[in-house]
C-alpha atoms as a PDB file:
ATOM      1  CA  MET A   1     -16.368  -5.197  -1.978  1.00  0.00           C
ATOM      2  CA  ILE A   2     -13.053  -3.313  -0.834  1.00  0.00           C
ATOM      3  CA  THR A   3     -11.821   0.218  -1.956  1.00  0.00           C
ATOM      4  CA  THR A   4      -7.899   1.666  -2.112  1.00  0.00           C
ATOM      5  CA  SER A   5      -8.190   5.066  -2.312  1.00  0.00           C
ATOM      6  CA  SER A   6      -4.546   6.539  -2.837  1.00  0.00           C
ATOM      7  CA  ILE A   7      -2.977   3.718  -1.318  1.00  0.00           C
ATOM      8  CA  ILE A   8       1.122   4.565   0.078  1.00  0.00           C
ATOM      9  CA  LYS A   9       3.309   2.146   1.429  1.00  0.00           C
ATOM     10  CA  THR A  10       6.857   3.257   2.288  1.00  0.00           C
ATOM     11  CA  PHE A  11       9.766   1.073   4.129  1.00  0.00           C
ATOM     12  CA  ARG A  12      12.661   3.236   3.844  1.00  0.00           C
ATOM     13  CA  ASN A  13      12.360   5.490   1.757  1.00  0.00           C
ATOM     14  CA  ARG A  14      11.459   4.359  -1.190  1.00  0.00           C
ATOM     15  CA  ASN A  15       7.652   3.268  -1.717  1.00  0.00           C
ATOM     16  CA  ALA A  16       6.264  -0.155  -2.255  1.00  0.00           C
ATOM     17  CA  LEU A  17       2.977   0.616  -2.888  1.00  0.00           C
ATOM     18  CA  ASN A  18       2.381   4.322  -4.872  1.00  0.00           C
ATOM     19  CA  ASN A  19      -0.831   5.557  -4.856  1.00  0.00           C
ATOM     20  CA  VAL A  20      -2.775   2.065  -4.953  1.00  0.00           C
ATOM     21  CA  SER A  21      -6.291   2.978  -6.291  1.00  0.00           C
ATOM     22  CA  VAL A  22      -8.689  -0.121  -7.161  1.00  0.00           C
ATOM     23  CA  GLU A  23     -11.759  -1.917  -6.923  1.00  0.00           C
ATOM     24  CA  PHE A  24     -12.857  -5.328  -5.178  1.00  0.00           C
ATOM     25  CA  PRO A  25     -15.901  -6.510  -6.623  1.00  0.00           C
ATOM     26  CA  GLU A  26     -18.834  -8.917  -4.652  1.00  0.00           C
ATOM     27  CA  GLN A  27     -19.927 -11.270  -5.960  1.00  0.00           C
ATOM     28  CA  CYS A  28     -16.194 -11.304  -9.027  1.00  0.00           C
ATOM     29  CA  VAL A  29     -12.839 -13.270  -8.365  1.00  0.00           C
ATOM     30  CA  THR A  30      -9.533 -10.356  -9.038  1.00  0.00           C
ATOM     31  CA  ALA A  31      -6.036 -11.328  -9.511  1.00  0.00           C
ATOM     32  CA  ILE A  32      -3.744  -9.559  -8.091  1.00  0.00           C
ATOM     33  CA  VAL A  33      -0.168 -10.303 -10.447  1.00  0.00           C
ATOM     34  CA  GLY A  34       3.147  -8.990 -11.048  1.00  0.00           C
ATOM     35  CA  PRO A  35       6.821  -9.198 -10.595  1.00  0.00           C
ATOM     36  CA  ASN A  36       8.051 -10.288  -7.087  1.00  0.00           C
ATOM     37  CA  GLY A  37       9.385  -7.323  -5.612  1.00  0.00           C
ATOM     38  CA  SER A  38       5.697  -5.378  -7.258  1.00  0.00           C
ATOM     39  CA  GLY A  39       4.101  -4.828  -4.280  1.00  0.00           C
ATOM     40  CA  LYS A  40       1.187  -8.192  -3.576  1.00  0.00           C
ATOM     41  CA  THR A  41       2.256  -8.693  -0.439  1.00  0.00           C
ATOM     42  CA  THR A  42       2.332  -5.907  -0.028  1.00  0.00           C
ATOM     43  CA  LEU A  43      -1.465  -4.288  -1.048  1.00  0.00           C
ATOM     44  CA  MET A  44      -2.609  -8.113   0.166  1.00  0.00           C
ATOM     45  CA  LYS A  45      -1.235  -7.206   4.478  1.00  0.00           C
ATOM     46  CA  ILE A  46      -3.196  -3.396   4.315  1.00  0.00           C
ATOM     47  CA  ILE A  47      -6.394  -5.250   3.744  1.00  0.00           C
ATOM     48  CA  LEU A  48      -5.773  -8.401   6.252  1.00  0.00           C
ATOM     49  CA  GLY A  49      -5.025  -5.769   8.897  1.00  0.00           C
ATOM     50  CA  LEU A  50      -1.670  -6.986   9.419  1.00  0.00           C
ATOM     51  CA  MET A  51       0.442  -3.219   7.952  1.00  0.00           C
ATOM     52  CA  ARG A  52      -1.287   0.305   7.879  1.00  0.00           C
ATOM     53  CA  PRO A  53      -0.827   1.708   4.834  1.00  0.00           C
ATOM     54  CA  THR A  54       1.565   5.074   4.988  1.00  0.00           C
ATOM     55  CA  SER A  55      -1.420   7.538   3.034  1.00  0.00           C
ATOM     56  CA  GLY A  56      -4.344   6.682   1.358  1.00  0.00           C
ATOM     57  CA  SER A  57      -7.532   4.972   3.331  1.00  0.00           C
ATOM     58  CA  PHE A  58      -9.253   2.071   2.328  1.00  0.00           C
ATOM     59  CA  THR A  59     -13.262   0.470   2.879  1.00  0.00           C
ATOM     60  CA  ILE A  60     -14.333  -3.114   4.032  1.00  0.00           C
ATOM     61  CA  MET A  61     -17.829  -3.386   2.631  1.00  0.00           C
ATOM     62  CA  GLY A  62     -18.655   0.224   2.517  1.00  0.00           C
ATOM     63  CA  GLN A  63     -16.318   0.307   6.427  1.00  0.00           C
ATOM     64  CA  PRO A  64     -12.870   2.587   6.569  1.00  0.00           C
ATOM     65  CA  GLY A  65     -10.305  -0.647   6.638  1.00  0.00           C
ATOM     66  CA  VAL A  66      -7.180   1.334   8.722  1.00  0.00           C
ATOM     67  CA  ASN A  67      -7.302  -0.376  12.091  1.00  0.00           C
ATOM     68  CA  ASN A  68     -10.959  -1.258  12.042  1.00  0.00           C
ATOM     69  CA  ALA A  69     -10.994  -4.943  13.343  1.00  0.00           C
ATOM     70  CA  ALA A  70     -15.016  -5.212  12.689  1.00  0.00           C
ATOM     71  CA  ALA A  71     -14.600  -4.967   9.322  1.00  0.00           C
ATOM     72  CA  ARG A  72     -12.803  -7.904   8.652  1.00  0.00           C
ATOM     73  CA  GLU A  73     -15.083 -10.790  10.775  1.00  0.00           C
ATOM     74  CA  HIS A  74     -16.878 -11.858   7.290  1.00  0.00           C
ATOM     75  CA  MET A  75     -12.575 -12.014   5.664  1.00  0.00           C
ATOM     76  CA  GLY A  76     -11.698 -15.654   4.541  1.00  0.00           C
ATOM     77  CA  TYR A  77      -7.969 -16.101   4.805  1.00  0.00           C
ATOM     78  CA  MET A  78      -5.702 -18.522   2.652  1.00  0.00           C
ATOM     79  CA  ALA A  79      -1.801 -17.848   3.474  1.00  0.00           C
ATOM     80  CA  GLN A  80       0.662 -19.304   1.377  1.00  0.00           C
ATOM     81  CA  ILE A  81       2.430 -21.141   4.273  1.00  0.00           C
ATOM     82  CA  ALA A  82       0.118 -20.694   7.585  1.00  0.00           C
ATOM     83  CA  ARG A  83       1.283 -21.146  10.739  1.00  0.00           C
ATOM     84  CA  TYR A  84      -0.684 -23.323  13.794  1.00  0.00           C
ATOM     85  CA  PRO A  85       0.040 -24.977  16.700  1.00  0.00           C
ATOM     86  CA  GLU A  86       2.049 -27.210  16.225  1.00  0.00           C
ATOM     87  CA  ASN A  87       0.813 -29.809  18.997  1.00  0.00           C
ATOM     88  CA  LEU A  88      -3.082 -29.145  18.172  1.00  0.00           C
ATOM     89  CA  THR A  89      -4.613 -31.605  15.695  1.00  0.00           C
ATOM     90  CA  VAL A  90      -6.706 -30.700  13.107  1.00  0.00           C
ATOM     91  CA  SER A  91      -9.540 -31.234  15.040  1.00  0.00           C
ATOM     92  CA  GLU A  92      -8.584 -28.723  17.713  1.00  0.00           C
ATOM     93  CA  VAL A  93      -7.876 -26.287  15.290  1.00  0.00           C
ATOM     94  CA  ILE A  94     -10.846 -26.553  12.985  1.00  0.00           C
ATOM     95  CA  ALA A  95     -12.690 -26.452  17.299  1.00  0.00           C
ATOM     96  CA  MET A  96     -10.167 -23.244  17.844  1.00  0.00           C
ATOM     97  CA  ILE A  97     -10.889 -21.189  15.667  1.00  0.00           C
ATOM     98  CA  ARG A  98     -14.862 -22.115  15.788  1.00  0.00           C
ATOM     99  CA  SER A  99     -14.782 -21.302  18.530  1.00  0.00           C
ATOM    100  CA  LEU A 100     -13.721 -17.400  18.132  1.00  0.00           C
ATOM    101  CA  ARG A 101     -16.079 -16.690  15.575  1.00  0.00           C
ATOM    102  CA  SER A 102     -18.864 -18.341  17.036  1.00  0.00           C
ATOM    103  CA  ASP A 103     -21.336 -15.520  16.119  1.00  0.00           C
ATOM    104  CA  ALA A 104     -20.380 -15.701  12.660  1.00  0.00           C
ATOM    105  CA  PRO A 105     -22.517 -18.464  10.687  1.00  0.00           C
ATOM    106  CA  THR A 106     -21.067 -21.636   8.769  1.00  0.00           C
ATOM    107  CA  VAL A 107     -21.563 -24.174   6.350  1.00  0.00           C
ATOM    108  CA  ASN A 108     -21.638 -27.744   6.639  1.00  0.00           C
ATOM    109  CA  VAL A 109     -17.852 -28.175   7.572  1.00  0.00           C
ATOM    110  CA  ASP A 110     -18.342 -32.073   7.622  1.00  0.00           C
ATOM    111  CA  ASP A 111     -19.145 -31.481   3.429  1.00  0.00           C
ATOM    112  CA  LEU A 112     -15.404 -28.886   3.627  1.00  0.00           C
ATOM    113  CA  ILE A 113     -13.274 -31.692   5.575  1.00  0.00           C
ATOM    114  CA  ARG A 114     -14.978 -34.400   2.953  1.00  0.00           C
ATOM    115  CA  ARG A 115     -14.168 -32.524  -0.079  1.00  0.00           C
ATOM    116  CA  PHE A 116     -10.379 -31.920   0.883  1.00  0.00           C
ATOM    117  CA  ALA A 117     -10.336 -35.516   1.977  1.00  0.00           C
ATOM    118  CA  LEU A 118      -9.240 -34.728   5.542  1.00  0.00           C
ATOM    119  CA  GLU A 119     -10.877 -36.816   7.376  1.00  0.00           C
ATOM    120  CA  GLN A 120      -8.228 -39.738   7.700  1.00  0.00           C
ATOM    121  CA  HIS A 121      -6.078 -36.696   8.988  1.00  0.00           C
ATOM    122  CA  LEU A 122      -8.309 -35.015  11.688  1.00  0.00           C
ATOM    123  CA  GLY A 123      -6.532 -36.956  15.231  1.00  0.00           C
ATOM    124  CA  LYS A 124      -3.216 -36.285  13.784  1.00  0.00           C
ATOM    125  CA  PRO A 125      -1.271 -32.976  14.720  1.00  0.00           C
ATOM    126  CA  MET A 126      -0.282 -30.583  12.663  1.00  0.00           C
ATOM    127  CA  ARG A 127       3.793 -31.295  13.468  1.00  0.00           C
ATOM    128  CA  ALA A 128       2.814 -34.064  11.730  1.00  0.00           C
ATOM    129  CA  LEU A 129       1.008 -33.101   8.498  1.00  0.00           C
ATOM    130  CA  SER A 130       2.316 -32.547   5.255  1.00  0.00           C
ATOM    131  CA  GLY A 131       2.930 -29.106   3.741  1.00  0.00           C
ATOM    132  CA  GLY A 132      -0.117 -29.638   1.054  1.00  0.00           C
ATOM    133  CA  THR A 133      -2.423 -31.191   4.001  1.00  0.00           C
ATOM    134  CA  ARG A 134      -1.122 -27.726   5.841  1.00  0.00           C
ATOM    135  CA  GLN A 135      -2.761 -26.037   2.847  1.00  0.00           C
ATOM    136  CA  LYS A 136      -6.081 -28.612   2.552  1.00  0.00           C
ATOM    137  CA  VAL A 137      -6.565 -27.253   6.789  1.00  0.00           C
ATOM    138  CA  SER A 138      -6.266 -23.383   4.680  1.00  0.00           C
ATOM    139  CA  ALA A 139      -8.553 -24.018   3.044  1.00  0.00           C
ATOM    140  CA  VAL A 140     -11.094 -25.623   5.451  1.00  0.00           C
ATOM    141  CA  LEU A 141     -10.735 -22.827   8.042  1.00  0.00           C
ATOM    142  CA  ALA A 142     -10.854 -19.942   4.459  1.00  0.00           C
ATOM    143  CA  PHE A 143     -14.312 -21.456   3.319  1.00  0.00           C
ATOM    144  CA  MET A 144     -15.718 -22.589   7.181  1.00  0.00           C
ATOM    145  CA  PHE A 145     -17.396 -18.906   7.912  1.00  0.00           C
ATOM    146  CA  LYS A 146     -19.444 -18.110   4.256  1.00  0.00           C
ATOM    147  CA  PRO A 147     -16.609 -15.025   3.912  1.00  0.00           C
ATOM    148  CA  SER A 148     -18.687 -12.701   1.879  1.00  0.00           C
ATOM    149  CA  ILE A 149     -14.710 -11.605   1.281  1.00  0.00           C
ATOM    150  CA  LEU A 150     -12.201 -13.902   0.749  1.00  0.00           C
ATOM    151  CA  LEU A 151      -8.454 -13.975  -0.041  1.00  0.00           C
ATOM    152  CA  LEU A 152      -6.674 -16.698  -0.849  1.00  0.00           C
ATOM    153  CA  ASP A 153      -2.680 -15.803  -0.991  1.00  0.00           C
ATOM    154  CA  GLU A 154      -0.910 -18.802  -3.620  1.00  0.00           C
ATOM    155  CA  PRO A 155      -3.612 -20.985  -2.405  1.00  0.00           C
ATOM    156  CA  THR A 156      -3.046 -23.755  -5.137  1.00  0.00           C
ATOM    157  CA  ALA A 157       0.306 -24.308  -3.137  1.00  0.00           C
ATOM    158  CA  GLY A 158       1.395 -27.896  -2.782  1.00  0.00           C
ATOM    159  CA  LEU A 159      -2.026 -29.424  -3.004  1.00  0.00           C
ATOM    160  CA  ASP A 160      -2.464 -32.536  -5.187  1.00  0.00           C
ATOM    161  CA  PRO A 161      -3.923 -32.220  -8.711  1.00  0.00           C
ATOM    162  CA  ILE A 162      -7.314 -33.358  -7.117  1.00  0.00           C
ATOM    163  CA  SER A 163      -7.667 -30.902  -4.411  1.00  0.00           C
ATOM    164  CA  THR A 164      -6.445 -28.348  -6.708  1.00  0.00           C
ATOM    165  CA  ALA A 165      -9.445 -28.730  -8.640  1.00  0.00           C
ATOM    166  CA  ARG A 166     -11.986 -29.139  -5.781  1.00  0.00           C
ATOM    167  CA  LEU A 167      -9.511 -25.211  -3.974  1.00  0.00           C
ATOM    168  CA  LYS A 168     -11.265 -24.224  -7.669  1.00  0.00           C
ATOM    169  CA  GLU A 169     -14.816 -25.051  -7.718  1.00  0.00           C
ATOM    170  CA  SER A 170     -14.331 -23.566  -3.947  1.00  0.00           C
ATOM    171  CA  ILE A 171     -13.966 -20.262  -4.798  1.00  0.00           C
ATOM    172  CA  VAL A 172     -15.965 -20.266  -8.361  1.00  0.00           C
ATOM    173  CA  GLU A 173     -19.088 -21.788  -5.818  1.00  0.00           C
ATOM    174  CA  ALA A 174     -18.505 -18.401  -3.884  1.00  0.00           C
ATOM    175  CA  ARG A 175     -18.297 -16.385  -6.506  1.00  0.00           C
ATOM    176  CA  ASN A 176     -21.277 -17.225  -7.925  1.00  0.00           C
ATOM    177  CA  ALA A 177     -22.684 -17.360  -4.054  1.00  0.00           C
ATOM    178  CA  GLY A 178     -21.606 -12.882  -4.453  1.00  0.00           C
ATOM    179  CA  THR A 179     -18.040 -13.643  -2.301  1.00  0.00           C
ATOM    180  CA  ALA A 180     -16.065 -11.002  -3.521  1.00  0.00           C
ATOM    181  CA  ILE A 181     -12.515 -12.734  -4.326  1.00  0.00           C
ATOM    182  CA  ILE A 182      -8.976 -11.249  -4.539  1.00  0.00           C
ATOM    183  CA  VAL A 183      -6.135 -14.452  -5.549  1.00  0.00           C
ATOM    184  CA  THR A 184      -2.655 -14.305  -6.099  1.00  0.00           C
ATOM    185  CA  SER A 185      -0.339 -16.846  -7.578  1.00  0.00           C
ATOM    186  CA  HIS A 186       2.049 -16.895  -9.827  1.00  0.00           C
ATOM    187  CA  LEU A 187       0.497 -19.979 -11.982  1.00  0.00           C
ATOM    188  CA  LEU A 188      -0.805 -17.561 -14.550  1.00  0.00           C
ATOM    189  CA  SER A 189      -2.837 -20.561 -16.556  1.00  0.00           C
ATOM    190  CA  GLU A 190      -4.271 -21.280 -13.077  1.00  0.00           C
ATOM    191  CA  LEU A 191      -5.906 -17.703 -12.649  1.00  0.00           C
ATOM    192  CA  GLN A 192      -7.125 -17.866 -16.145  1.00  0.00           C
ATOM    193  CA  GLU A 193      -9.003 -20.463 -15.256  1.00  0.00           C
ATOM    194  CA  ILE A 194     -10.685 -19.242 -12.298  1.00  0.00           C
ATOM    195  CA  SER A 195     -10.332 -14.477 -13.098  1.00  0.00           C
ATOM    196  CA  ASP A 196     -13.168 -12.077 -13.874  1.00  0.00           C
ATOM    197  CA  ARG A 197     -10.716  -9.373 -13.174  1.00  0.00           C
ATOM    198  CA  VAL A 198      -6.576  -8.688 -13.389  1.00  0.00           C
ATOM    199  CA  VAL A 199      -4.595  -5.889 -11.175  1.00  0.00           C
ATOM    200  CA  TYR A 200      -1.261  -5.793 -12.130  1.00  0.00           C
ATOM    201  CA  LEU A 201       0.938  -4.177  -9.955  1.00  0.00           C
ATOM    202  CA  GLN A 202       4.713  -3.490 -10.745  1.00  0.00           C
ATOM    203  CA  ASP A 203       7.471  -0.986  -8.890  1.00  0.00           C
ATOM    204  CA  GLY A 204       4.087  -0.679  -6.553  1.00  0.00           C
ATOM    205  CA  GLU A 205       2.276   0.721  -9.237  1.00  0.00           C
ATOM    206  CA  VAL A 206      -1.051  -0.194 -10.952  1.00  0.00           C
ATOM    207  CA  LEU A 207      -0.448  -0.703 -14.692  1.00  0.00           C
ATOM    208  CA  HIS A 208      -3.352  -2.625 -15.391  1.00  0.00           C
ATOM    209  CA  ASN A 209      -6.873  -2.830 -13.673  1.00  0.00           C
ATOM    210  CA  GLY A 210      -9.656  -4.249 -15.439  1.00  0.00           C
ATOM    211  CA  SER A 211     -11.032  -7.511 -17.363  1.00  0.00           C
ATOM    212  CA  VAL A 212      -9.166 -10.645 -18.421  1.00  0.00           C
ATOM    213  CA  HIS A 213     -10.336 -10.814 -21.444  1.00  0.00           C
ATOM    214  CA  THR A 214      -9.437  -6.617 -22.051  1.00  0.00           C
ATOM    215  CA  LEU A 215      -6.318  -7.877 -20.935  1.00  0.00           C
ATOM    216  CA  MET A 216      -5.497  -9.918 -23.544  1.00  0.00           C
ATOM    217  CA  GLN A 217      -7.687  -8.048 -26.253  1.00  0.00           C
ATOM    218  CA  GLN A 218      -5.225  -4.726 -25.312  1.00  0.00           C
ATOM    219  CA  THR A 219      -1.444  -6.914 -25.712  1.00  0.00           C
ATOM    220  CA  SER A 220      -3.333  -9.458 -28.356  1.00  0.00           C
ATOM    221  CA  THR A 221      -2.768 -11.759 -26.772  1.00  0.00           C
ATOM    222  CA  ASP A 222      -4.534 -15.895 -26.645  1.00  0.00           C
ATOM    223  CA  SER A 223      -2.975 -16.605 -22.676  1.00  0.00           C
ATOM    224  CA  LEU A 224      -3.218 -14.504 -19.711  1.00  0.00           C
ATOM    225  CA  THR A 225       0.790 -15.696 -19.178  1.00  0.00           C
ATOM    226  CA  ASP A 226       1.219 -14.542 -22.485  1.00  0.00           C
ATOM    227  CA  ALA A 227      -0.605 -10.556 -21.833  1.00  0.00           C
ATOM    228  CA  ILE A 228       1.199 -10.718 -18.423  1.00  0.00           C
ATOM    229  CA  LEU A 229       5.012 -11.196 -20.249  1.00  0.00           C
ATOM    230  CA  THR A 230       3.881  -8.255 -22.351  1.00  0.00           C
ATOM    231  CA  LEU A 231       3.234  -5.927 -19.817  1.00  0.00           C
ATOM    232  CA  MET A 232       6.501  -7.046 -17.944  1.00  0.00           C
ATOM    233  CA  GLU A 233       8.426  -6.142 -21.256  1.00  0.00           C
ATOM    234  CA  ARG A 234       6.504  -3.268 -21.425  1.00  0.00           C
ATOM    235  CA  GLY A 235       7.261  -1.838 -17.724  1.00  0.00           C
ATOM    236  CA  ALA A 236      10.693  -3.342 -18.068  1.00  0.00           C
ATOM    237  CA  ALA A 237      11.324  -0.527 -21.604  1.00  0.00           C
END
């Protein structure tokens, strides 16, 4: 579980996040959604330790999250655009990451490679891969260590329909195994398929924090897309 408490992040006298207090529970997929510039990426970077909050605090599985790399030992991350050593092959990248986290338990990596159809790409250098294939590599790395927490930033970007379906299966399996999953995506119909909860940010503030079903009830809509559009219109009014 991740819990944030009164997180504020200020850039040039502007609050990118303003008193954000939310929980991301175990065995749950929580979608973070909102317009461009709403604070989604900033919140993700703070949780990942790539950025420090201006004020406020957060915990990761009960441990302080600020300046505490140990709290992220059981965290998996899938970036929208991942950067890898371009000269290394797919197999070498996987081996390198495994060596960096040699004490962490792993799933059967060969099963993940087959799930995302990477067998024929293992000997290719990263520079030769398409964006979608690089995203498959990111998926293998994110799920490889049986993470207790998964952060997925636009995870289906560039994926073909089959790989997208396999990724959704992996997300649901991880959720059912107890993982706390945080996902961002502009594809709201996909989020509705896999998400239990939604945190809606606008101008750095939380305007909704609850179940997808409750949000649709409150907005008198029958899809997450329409519900979010309703929130955006209310926030702009």
